[in-house]
Amino acid sequence: MGIREKLNGNPSMVIGGVGAVMVLAIVLVVMQTRGGGPPTAIIQNSKVFFTVDDGKTWFADDVKNIPPFTKDGKEAVRAHVYRTSDGTEFVGYLERYSPASKKALAAALAKPAEEQLEDPYASAEIQCKKPGGTTWVSMNDPNVQAIMNVVSPKGAGDKVSSVSPAE
């Protein structure tokens, strides 16, 4: 007897199986829409790079820090570190949250995860600038691509790769 004949002969087994799949799908959708934590990309590593001197130096610290924050009396922002083909490391661009987003994130993250209806990071405004630059540009601005396009200090022909604190 084949599977099809077995299922035709036992409709309650089919209904139970379909019901279990539907319950599982609903649970997964609810878990994904509730949010309650940093984006998945951030969860992969508990530390990221920050700088207090416009990218001249950098340090690894907890990913839960909301930049800008105060570190040793100085303002720290996120530093995106890259490596050239010969191993030289440099900061490609800096990142922070806008003042309004930083305040909203801090308030949302102070609540228990079960009280957060959506991912608090999803609507936060992130701003970027090149080291040495004077203007922070919103990620919503089309000009941000020029900032996030990282070129090796050795020239456009040199390949760069992103560096994480775990390396």
Protein backbone atom coordinates (compact mmCIF):
# COMPACT_ATOMS: atom_id res chain seq x y z
CA MET A 1 0.00 0.00 0.00
CA GLY A 2 1.40 3.40 -1.02
CA ILE A 3 1.45 6.62 0.96
CA ARG A 4 -1.44 8.08 -1.00
CA GLU A 5 -3.69 5.12 -0.21
CA LYS A 6 -2.70 5.24 3.46
CA LEU A 7 -3.53 8.96 3.67
CA ASN A 8 -6.84 8.49 1.84
CA GLY A 9 -7.77 5.77 4.31
CA ASN A 10 -6.89 7.87 7.39
CA PRO A 11 -8.16 11.49 7.01
CA SER A 12 -7.69 12.26 10.73
CA MET A 13 -3.92 11.69 10.31
CA VAL A 14 -3.87 14.17 7.41
CA ILE A 15 -5.81 16.80 9.37
CA GLY A 16 -3.51 16.39 12.39
CA GLY A 17 -0.38 16.73 10.25
CA VAL A 18 -1.66 19.82 8.44
CA GLY A 19 -2.71 21.35 11.76
CA ALA A 20 0.74 20.77 13.28
CA VAL A 21 2.45 22.40 10.29
CA MET A 22 0.09 25.42 10.52
CA VAL A 23 0.78 25.86 14.25
CA LEU A 24 4.52 25.71 13.62
CA ALA A 25 4.25 28.29 10.81
CA ILE A 26 2.23 30.66 13.02
CA VAL A 27 4.75 30.33 15.87
CA LEU A 28 7.64 31.12 13.51
CA VAL A 29 5.86 34.19 12.07
CA VAL A 30 5.05 35.53 15.53
CA MET A 31 8.65 35.02 16.71
CA GLN A 32 10.04 36.89 13.69
CA THR A 33 7.63 39.83 13.92
CA ARG A 34 8.07 40.37 17.66
CA GLY A 35 11.71 41.43 17.37
CA GLY A 36 13.27 42.07 20.75
CA GLY A 37 16.96 41.96 19.94
CA PRO A 38 19.70 43.24 17.73
CA PRO A 39 19.60 42.37 14.03
CA THR A 40 20.75 38.87 13.10
CA ALA A 41 23.99 40.16 11.57
CA ILE A 42 24.96 41.67 14.91
CA ILE A 43 24.19 38.51 16.89
CA GLN A 44 26.95 36.64 15.05
CA ASN A 45 29.63 38.50 17.01
CA SER A 46 29.31 39.94 20.52
CA LYS A 47 31.99 42.57 19.90
CA VAL A 48 32.47 45.23 17.22
CA PHE A 49 35.02 48.00 16.70
CA PHE A 50 34.64 51.53 18.03
CA THR A 51 36.86 54.62 17.92
CA VAL A 52 37.19 57.76 20.06
CA ASP A 53 39.63 59.58 17.76
CA ASP A 54 37.91 59.68 14.36
CA GLY A 55 39.30 56.30 13.27
CA LYS A 56 42.99 56.83 14.01
CA THR A 57 42.80 53.98 16.54
CA TRP A 58 40.04 51.52 17.39
CA PHE A 59 39.06 49.05 20.07
CA ALA A 60 36.66 46.12 20.39
CA ASP A 61 33.74 46.52 22.76
CA ASP A 62 30.28 45.09 23.39
CA VAL A 63 27.92 45.21 20.41
CA LYS A 64 25.14 46.32 22.78
CA ASN A 65 26.75 49.77 23.13
CA ILE A 66 24.65 52.30 21.24
CA PRO A 67 27.00 54.75 19.50
CA PRO A 68 27.72 57.46 20.23
CA PHE A 69 28.53 56.59 23.84
CA THR A 70 31.12 57.85 26.30
CA LYS A 71 34.31 55.81 26.71
CA ASP A 72 37.07 57.16 28.96
CA GLY A 73 35.54 60.63 28.78
CA LYS A 74 35.44 60.69 24.97
CA GLU A 75 32.67 60.10 22.44
CA ALA A 76 32.93 56.63 20.88
CA VAL A 77 31.39 55.72 17.53
CA ARG A 78 31.36 52.48 15.54
CA ALA A 79 34.42 51.93 13.34
CA HIS A 80 34.23 49.70 10.26
CA VAL A 81 37.73 48.27 9.94
CA TYR A 82 39.20 46.89 6.72
CA ARG A 83 42.43 45.18 5.69
CA THR A 84 44.42 45.78 2.50
CA SER A 85 46.00 42.99 0.47
CA ASP A 86 49.31 43.48 2.33
CA GLY A 87 47.62 43.25 5.78
CA THR A 88 47.45 46.97 6.62
CA GLU A 89 44.30 47.73 8.62
CA PHE A 90 42.35 51.00 8.45
CA VAL A 91 38.93 52.44 9.27
CA GLY A 92 36.80 52.69 6.14
CA TYR A 93 33.94 54.65 7.69
CA LEU A 94 32.35 55.56 11.00
CA GLU A 95 28.79 54.97 12.16
CA ARG A 96 26.49 56.26 14.87
CA TYR A 97 22.80 56.60 15.62
CA SER A 98 21.09 59.97 15.34
CA PRO A 99 20.39 61.59 18.74
CA ALA A 100 16.64 60.86 18.46
CA SER A 101 17.24 57.23 17.47
CA LYS A 102 19.79 56.70 20.25
CA LYS A 103 17.25 57.94 22.79
CA ALA A 104 14.46 55.75 21.34
CA LEU A 105 16.73 52.69 21.20
CA ALA A 106 17.84 53.13 24.81
CA ALA A 107 14.21 53.39 25.94
CA ALA A 108 13.09 50.37 23.88
CA LEU A 109 15.99 48.18 24.98
CA ALA A 110 15.29 49.00 28.63
CA LYS A 111 11.98 47.12 28.29
CA PRO A 112 11.80 43.33 28.62
CA ALA A 113 11.95 41.56 25.23
CA GLU A 114 8.39 40.27 25.58
CA GLU A 115 7.11 43.88 25.76
CA GLN A 116 8.82 44.91 22.53
CA LEU A 117 6.36 44.63 19.68
CA GLU A 118 8.94 45.18 16.94
CA ASP A 119 12.68 45.21 16.44
CA PRO A 120 13.82 48.54 17.94
CA TYR A 121 16.75 48.69 15.51
CA ALA A 122 14.50 48.46 12.42
CA SER A 123 13.40 52.11 12.46
CA ALA A 124 16.57 53.63 13.93
CA GLU A 125 18.38 56.25 11.85
CA ILE A 126 22.02 55.39 11.32
CA GLN A 127 24.48 58.07 10.25
CA CYS A 128 27.88 57.55 8.57
CA LYS A 129 30.96 59.57 7.72
CA LYS A 130 34.48 58.98 6.48
CA PRO A 131 37.31 59.38 9.02
CA GLY A 132 38.40 63.02 8.87
CA GLY A 133 35.04 64.06 7.41
CA THR A 134 32.95 66.74 9.06
CA THR A 135 29.40 65.81 8.04
CA TRP A 136 27.41 62.82 9.26
CA VAL A 137 25.12 61.50 6.49
CA SER A 138 21.95 59.50 7.08
CA MET A 139 21.77 55.98 5.66
CA ASN A 140 18.58 57.18 3.93
CA ASP A 141 20.57 59.77 1.96
CA PRO A 142 21.67 58.64 -1.53
CA ASN A 143 25.10 60.23 -0.87
CA VAL A 144 25.83 57.62 1.82
CA GLN A 145 27.00 55.16 -0.86
CA ALA A 146 30.08 57.32 -1.49
CA ILE A 147 30.92 57.07 2.22
CA MET A 148 30.33 53.33 2.50
CA ASN A 149 32.28 52.59 -0.68
CA VAL A 150 35.58 51.67 0.96
CA VAL A 151 38.72 52.10 -1.13
CA SER A 152 42.18 51.00 -0.03
CA PRO A 153 44.56 53.80 0.95
CA LYS A 154 46.94 52.10 -1.51
CA GLY A 155 44.61 52.82 -4.43
CA ALA A 156 41.42 51.59 -6.07
CA GLY A 157 43.19 48.54 -7.56
CA ASP A 158 44.04 47.11 -4.13
CA LYS A 159 41.43 44.73 -2.70
CA VAL A 160 40.15 45.27 0.83
CA SER A 161 38.34 42.92 3.20
CA SER A 162 36.29 43.61 6.29
CA VAL A 163 37.87 42.84 9.68
CA SER A 164 35.98 41.72 12.78
CA PRO A 165 37.20 41.64 16.39
CA ALA A 166 37.08 37.83 16.38
CA GLU A 167 39.99 37.62 13.91
